[in-house]
Amino acid sequence: MDRIAALQFFVRVVESGSFSQAARELGVGQPTVSKQVAALERRLGAQLLNRTSRRLRLTPAGADFYEAAVRILGELDDAESRVANAHEQPSGAVRVATPPILTGMMIVPELPEFFLRFPGIAVEFVVSERYADLVQEGVDLAIRIGNLDSSGLLSRRIGSLQIATVASPEYLARHGAPLTPSDLDAHHLLANRYLGAVGAWRFQHSEREVVTPTSGRFSCNDPADVHAAVLAGLGIAQSARALFEAELRSGAVVELLAGFVPEPVPIHVIYGSNRIPQRARIVSDFIAQCLHKQPSVRLRQPIP
């Protein structure tokens, strides 16, 4: 068994979400991919994926091994790149479309180190709540939160955004804490807007999804303002857990309805072309590393 090839096959299955899609992207038959992953599991003596007719799920061992495999392959790519381009530094501009929730919170703080390592690369962020048209807008890669449509563009799953329902202790002291999603009807809800529309909140209970409509005196399409509204005691919000990680640790914010946490939302990077320039691949890997530093964003959840 080619151990490096087996790692590559396993990672593509995880990031594409299926054996058939991984086979198409790798240019091989699906049986080849299945045999490689099965051989890897036999070598490790552990099951990495739970296979059903509807979906694949990473086992706990598979989630840990996936992170190690991504790191190993990334280090191998870096080593090959350094040797092949010993006298050349990657250069040029990379245009990245990202949603507001990720850029300022997880990516921008890591840029100083990135620019020290790759001084010839310039990064332009196109920050918007809408999905950019990569071809029409000249975007090299885009970060998408949520399940993907069948656009045919090359994609790579780089994380899972865990969702939390939160409020400040001051708000809860005045209004009490909801015990079930139905209790939210009696509370002030801080609604998220997407393209002008208010989204419903989702909860998971006994393997069944519960959808709660939201309405209230505050709504916003900027996650930073929702964050500020929670800290100001204006009400309850449902948002990315990573947005409130520090406050949850300090006690400035309290997590609610922990028994009804919805399924994590997948995060993918989408490429504007199947021929990815080296500088775009470097930026893509950098963004994936930024997300992996966040405990509530790492890819440890079921593949959708």
Protein backbone atom coordinates (compact mmCIF):
# COMPACT_ATOMS: atom_id res chain seq x y z
CA MET A 1 0.00 0.00 0.00
CA ASP A 2 1.29 3.46 -0.96
CA ARG A 3 0.88 5.22 2.39
CA ILE A 4 1.00 8.76 0.96
CA ALA A 5 -1.57 7.88 -1.74
CA ALA A 6 -3.79 6.29 0.90
CA LEU A 7 -3.65 9.48 2.99
CA GLN A 8 -4.54 11.56 -0.07
CA PHE A 9 -7.47 9.31 -0.93
CA PHE A 10 -8.80 9.38 2.63
CA VAL A 11 -8.54 13.18 2.89
CA ARG A 12 -10.32 13.68 -0.44
CA VAL A 13 -13.18 11.40 0.69
CA VAL A 14 -13.58 13.42 3.88
CA GLU A 15 -13.37 16.82 2.18
CA SER A 16 -15.59 15.96 -0.80
CA GLY A 17 -18.15 14.07 1.30
CA SER A 18 -18.36 10.89 -0.77
CA PHE A 19 -16.28 8.16 -2.38
CA SER A 20 -17.72 8.87 -5.82
CA GLN A 21 -16.95 12.60 -5.71
CA ALA A 22 -13.43 11.91 -4.43
CA ALA A 23 -12.90 9.45 -7.30
CA ARG A 24 -14.01 12.06 -9.86
CA GLU A 25 -11.67 14.69 -8.42
CA LEU A 26 -8.75 12.25 -8.31
CA GLY A 27 -9.43 10.90 -11.80
CA VAL A 28 -9.77 7.26 -10.73
CA GLY A 29 -12.58 4.74 -10.32
CA GLN A 30 -14.66 4.62 -7.15
CA PRO A 31 -13.58 1.02 -6.35
CA THR A 32 -9.96 2.22 -6.26
CA VAL A 33 -10.81 4.86 -3.66
CA SER A 34 -12.82 2.40 -1.57
CA LYS A 35 -10.01 -0.17 -1.64
CA GLN A 36 -7.38 2.41 -0.63
CA VAL A 37 -9.42 3.62 2.35
CA ALA A 38 -10.26 0.04 3.39
CA ALA A 39 -6.56 -0.90 3.20
CA LEU A 40 -5.70 2.12 5.32
CA GLU A 41 -8.24 1.07 7.96
CA ARG A 42 -6.81 -2.46 7.99
CA ARG A 43 -3.29 -1.13 8.43
CA LEU A 44 -4.37 1.11 11.31
CA GLY A 45 -6.61 -1.51 12.87
CA ALA A 46 -9.35 1.08 13.31
CA GLN A 47 -12.48 2.16 11.48
CA LEU A 48 -12.14 5.70 10.16
CA LEU A 49 -15.55 6.13 8.51
CA ASN A 50 -19.03 4.88 9.29
CA ARG A 51 -20.68 4.12 5.96
CA THR A 52 -24.46 4.17 5.48
CA SER A 53 -26.65 4.43 2.40
CA ARG A 54 -27.30 8.14 3.12
CA ARG A 55 -24.06 9.60 4.44
CA LEU A 56 -20.54 9.07 5.70
CA ARG A 57 -19.61 9.85 9.28
CA LEU A 58 -16.14 10.22 10.69
CA THR A 59 -15.53 8.00 13.69
CA PRO A 60 -13.65 9.59 16.63
CA ALA A 61 -10.51 7.78 15.43
CA GLY A 62 -11.19 9.00 11.90
CA ALA A 63 -11.53 12.62 13.01
CA ASP A 64 -8.19 12.50 14.82
CA PHE A 65 -6.50 10.74 11.90
CA TYR A 66 -7.96 13.23 9.40
CA GLU A 67 -6.33 16.16 11.21
CA ALA A 68 -2.99 14.31 11.31
CA ALA A 69 -3.28 13.39 7.61
CA VAL A 70 -4.00 17.00 6.58
CA ARG A 71 -0.99 18.18 8.58
CA ILE A 72 1.31 15.52 7.10
CA LEU A 73 0.22 16.20 3.51
CA GLY A 74 0.53 19.94 4.04
CA GLU A 75 4.06 19.57 5.40
CA LEU A 76 4.95 17.32 2.46
CA ASP A 77 3.60 19.90 -0.01
CA ASP A 78 5.56 22.63 1.75
CA ALA A 79 8.76 20.59 1.62
CA GLU A 80 8.31 19.79 -2.09
CA SER A 81 7.53 23.44 -2.82
CA ARG A 82 10.62 24.65 -0.96
CA VAL A 83 12.88 22.23 -2.84
CA ALA A 84 11.30 22.87 -6.25
CA ASN A 85 11.31 26.64 -5.78
CA ALA A 86 14.43 27.05 -3.69
CA HIS A 87 15.29 30.30 -5.45
CA GLU A 88 11.77 31.50 -6.16
CA GLN A 89 9.24 33.00 -3.78
CA PRO A 90 5.55 32.66 -4.74
CA SER A 91 4.14 36.03 -5.70
CA GLY A 92 1.04 37.71 -7.03
CA ALA A 93 -2.42 38.71 -5.84
CA VAL A 94 -5.07 36.29 -4.55
CA ARG A 95 -8.70 37.44 -4.42
CA VAL A 96 -10.70 35.71 -1.68
CA ALA A 97 -14.46 35.95 -1.10
CA THR A 98 -15.33 35.39 2.56
CA PRO A 99 -18.35 35.82 4.84
CA PRO A 100 -18.04 38.54 7.53
CA ILE A 101 -18.00 36.12 10.45
CA LEU A 102 -14.65 34.56 9.52
CA THR A 103 -12.44 37.35 8.20
CA GLY A 104 -11.92 39.71 11.12
CA MET A 105 -12.25 37.09 13.83
CA MET A 106 -10.12 34.20 12.57
CA ILE A 107 -8.10 35.17 9.50
CA VAL A 108 -6.89 38.79 9.72
CA PRO A 109 -5.18 38.36 13.14
CA GLU A 110 -2.95 35.66 11.59
CA LEU A 111 -1.90 37.71 8.54
CA PRO A 112 1.28 39.31 9.99
CA GLU A 113 2.96 35.91 10.26
CA PHE A 114 1.68 34.93 6.80
CA PHE A 115 3.12 38.05 5.15
CA LEU A 116 6.47 37.50 6.87
CA ARG A 117 6.60 34.04 5.33
CA PHE A 118 5.22 35.01 1.89
CA PRO A 119 6.12 38.67 1.30
CA GLY A 120 5.41 38.40 -2.43
CA ILE A 121 1.74 37.42 -2.05
CA ALA A 122 -0.98 40.07 -1.79
CA VAL A 123 -4.40 39.07 -0.45
CA GLU A 124 -7.62 40.90 -1.29
CA PHE A 125 -10.67 39.96 0.76
CA VAL A 126 -14.11 40.46 -0.78
CA VAL A 127 -16.25 40.37 2.37
CA SER A 128 -19.97 39.94 1.77
CA GLU A 129 -22.95 37.97 3.04
CA ARG A 130 -23.87 36.97 -0.51
CA TYR A 131 -22.14 34.25 -2.52
CA ALA A 132 -19.70 35.69 -5.04
CA ASP A 133 -19.69 34.51 -8.66
CA LEU A 134 -16.09 33.34 -8.80
CA VAL A 135 -15.76 33.45 -12.59
CA GLN A 136 -17.59 36.73 -13.22
CA GLU A 137 -15.94 38.56 -10.32
CA GLY A 138 -12.42 37.27 -10.84
CA VAL A 139 -12.31 35.50 -7.44
CA ASP A 140 -9.57 32.89 -6.97
CA LEU A 141 -11.22 31.14 -4.04
CA ALA A 142 -14.24 31.57 -1.79
CA ILE A 143 -15.07 30.42 1.72
CA ARG A 144 -18.63 29.09 1.96
CA ILE A 145 -20.55 28.31 5.13
CA GLY A 146 -23.36 25.79 4.67
CA ASN A 147 -24.08 22.84 2.40
CA LEU A 148 -22.90 23.23 -1.18
CA ASP A 149 -24.97 23.02 -4.33
CA SER A 150 -23.83 20.92 -7.28
CA SER A 151 -22.00 23.76 -9.03
CA GLY A 152 -19.24 21.50 -10.31
CA LEU A 153 -16.52 23.75 -8.87
CA LEU A 154 -13.65 22.11 -7.04
CA SER A 155 -14.19 22.26 -3.28
CA ARG A 156 -12.44 21.26 -0.07
CA ARG A 157 -14.01 20.98 3.35
CA ILE A 158 -11.88 22.82 5.91
CA GLY A 159 -14.04 22.96 9.03
CA SER A 160 -17.42 22.76 10.72
CA LEU A 161 -18.95 25.79 12.39
CA GLN A 162 -20.49 24.83 15.71
CA ILE A 163 -23.59 26.81 16.68
CA ALA A 164 -24.44 28.06 20.18
CA THR A 165 -27.43 29.85 21.71
CA VAL A 166 -26.17 32.47 24.17
CA ALA A 167 -27.12 35.38 26.41
CA SER A 168 -25.46 37.54 29.05
CA PRO A 169 -25.90 36.78 32.78
CA GLU A 170 -27.50 40.23 33.16
CA TYR A 171 -30.20 39.43 30.61
CA LEU A 172 -30.89 36.05 32.22
CA ALA A 173 -31.12 37.64 35.68
CA ARG A 174 -33.92 39.88 34.37
CA HIS A 175 -35.78 37.42 32.15
CA GLY A 176 -34.82 33.90 33.25
CA ALA A 177 -33.32 31.15 31.11
CA PRO A 178 -35.29 29.15 28.48
CA LEU A 179 -35.30 25.40 29.10
CA THR A 180 -36.62 24.31 25.70
CA PRO A 181 -36.73 25.99 22.26
CA SER A 182 -40.45 26.69 22.72
CA ASP A 183 -39.60 28.89 25.73
CA LEU A 184 -37.92 31.35 23.37
CA ASP A 185 -41.33 32.77 22.47
CA ALA A 186 -41.26 34.70 25.77
CA HIS A 187 -37.78 36.20 25.18
CA HIS A 188 -36.10 38.99 23.24
CA LEU A 189 -34.33 37.32 20.32
CA LEU A 190 -31.42 38.92 18.46
CA ALA A 191 -32.14 37.90 14.89
CA ASN A 192 -29.57 37.32 12.15
CA ARG A 193 -30.35 38.71 8.71
CA TYR A 194 -29.09 37.25 5.47
CA LEU A 195 -29.71 39.17 2.23
CA GLY A 196 -32.41 41.15 4.02
CA ALA A 197 -34.32 38.15 5.38
CA VAL A 198 -34.44 36.99 9.00
CA GLY A 199 -33.33 33.38 9.35
CA ALA A 200 -34.96 30.78 11.60
CA TRP A 201 -33.05 29.17 14.45
CA ARG A 202 -32.45 25.43 14.30
CA PHE A 203 -32.19 22.97 17.16
CA GLN A 204 -31.63 19.22 17.34
CA HIS A 205 -33.68 17.02 19.65
CA SER A 206 -33.89 13.20 19.63
CA GLU A 207 -32.42 13.10 16.08
CA ARG A 208 -35.16 15.49 14.94
CA GLU A 209 -34.59 19.06 13.80
CA VAL A 210 -36.66 21.76 15.48
CA VAL A 211 -36.99 25.09 13.64
CA THR A 212 -37.87 28.22 15.61
CA PRO A 213 -38.92 31.40 13.74
CA THR A 214 -37.25 34.54 15.06
CA SER A 215 -38.59 38.04 15.40
CA GLY A 216 -37.86 40.85 17.80
CA ARG A 217 -36.81 44.41 18.27
CA PHE A 218 -33.21 43.82 17.12
CA SER A 219 -31.89 42.26 13.92
CA CYS A 220 -28.63 42.65 12.07
CA ASN A 221 -26.60 41.14 9.23
CA ASP A 222 -23.24 41.78 10.93
CA PRO A 223 -22.06 39.10 13.39
CA ALA A 224 -19.92 41.66 15.23
CA ASP A 225 -23.02 43.73 16.03
CA VAL A 226 -24.90 40.63 17.20
CA HIS A 227 -21.95 39.92 19.47
CA ALA A 228 -22.11 43.46 20.86
CA ALA A 229 -25.87 43.20 21.39
CA VAL A 230 -25.48 40.02 23.46
CA LEU A 231 -22.83 41.64 25.66
CA ALA A 232 -25.10 44.66 26.09
CA GLY A 233 -27.82 42.40 27.50
CA LEU A 234 -30.32 43.06 24.70
CA GLY A 235 -31.42 39.44 24.37
CA ILE A 236 -30.61 35.91 23.24
CA ALA A 237 -28.67 35.11 20.07
CA GLN A 238 -27.92 31.97 18.09
CA SER A 239 -24.58 32.30 16.32
CA ALA A 240 -21.23 30.68 15.69
CA ARG A 241 -19.81 29.40 18.95
CA ALA A 242 -16.36 30.65 17.93
CA LEU A 243 -17.69 34.22 18.01
CA PHE A 244 -18.30 33.89 21.77
CA GLU A 245 -15.50 31.47 22.70
CA ALA A 246 -13.62 33.92 24.97
CA GLU A 247 -16.79 35.17 26.69
CA LEU A 248 -18.04 31.63 27.31
CA ARG A 249 -14.75 30.80 29.01
CA SER A 250 -14.80 33.95 31.14
CA GLY A 251 -18.49 33.70 32.06
CA ALA A 252 -19.38 36.99 30.38
CA VAL A 253 -21.79 34.96 28.22
CA VAL A 254 -23.79 31.83 29.10
CA GLU A 255 -24.66 29.02 26.69
CA LEU A 256 -28.35 28.09 26.66
CA LEU A 257 -30.27 25.02 25.46
CA ALA A 258 -27.11 22.88 25.42
CA GLY A 259 -29.26 19.76 25.03
CA PHE A 260 -30.68 21.04 21.73
CA VAL A 261 -27.48 22.04 19.89
CA PRO A 262 -28.01 21.83 16.10
CA GLU A 263 -25.77 19.96 13.69
CA PRO A 264 -22.51 21.82 12.91
CA VAL A 265 -22.53 23.78 9.66
CA PRO A 266 -19.85 22.75 7.13
CA ILE A 267 -17.22 25.21 5.90
CA HIS A 268 -15.70 24.73 2.44
CA VAL A 269 -13.19 26.51 0.28
CA ILE A 270 -14.32 26.75 -3.36
CA TYR A 271 -11.82 27.27 -6.18
CA GLY A 272 -12.57 29.37 -9.24
CA SER A 273 -10.67 26.97 -11.48
CA ASN A 274 -9.56 23.36 -11.39
CA ARG A 275 -6.05 24.60 -12.17
CA ILE A 276 -5.12 26.24 -8.89
CA PRO A 277 -2.11 28.61 -8.92
CA GLN A 278 0.48 27.94 -6.25
CA ARG A 279 -0.21 31.29 -4.55
CA ALA A 280 -3.95 30.49 -4.30
CA ARG A 281 -3.21 27.07 -2.83
CA ILE A 282 -0.90 28.67 -0.27
CA VAL A 283 -3.62 31.14 0.78
CA SER A 284 -6.19 28.34 0.91
CA ASP A 285 -3.93 26.28 3.21
CA PHE A 286 -3.32 29.35 5.38
CA ILE A 287 -7.07 29.92 5.84
CA ALA A 288 -7.59 26.25 6.70
CA GLN A 289 -4.86 26.51 9.33
CA CYS A 290 -6.51 29.63 10.79
CA LEU A 291 -9.77 27.75 11.19
CA HIS A 292 -8.10 24.68 12.67
CA LYS A 293 -6.76 26.86 15.50
CA GLN A 294 -10.35 27.42 16.64
CA PRO A 295 -11.56 24.52 18.86
CA SER A 296 -15.19 24.97 17.78
CA VAL A 297 -14.36 25.11 14.06
CA ARG A 298 -12.04 22.12 13.61
CA LEU A 299 -13.39 19.37 11.41
CA ARG A 300 -14.38 16.80 14.05
CA GLN A 301 -18.03 16.43 13.05
CA PRO A 302 -19.96 14.14 10.68
CA ILE A 303 -19.48 14.64 6.96
CA PRO A 304 -22.75 16.05 5.51
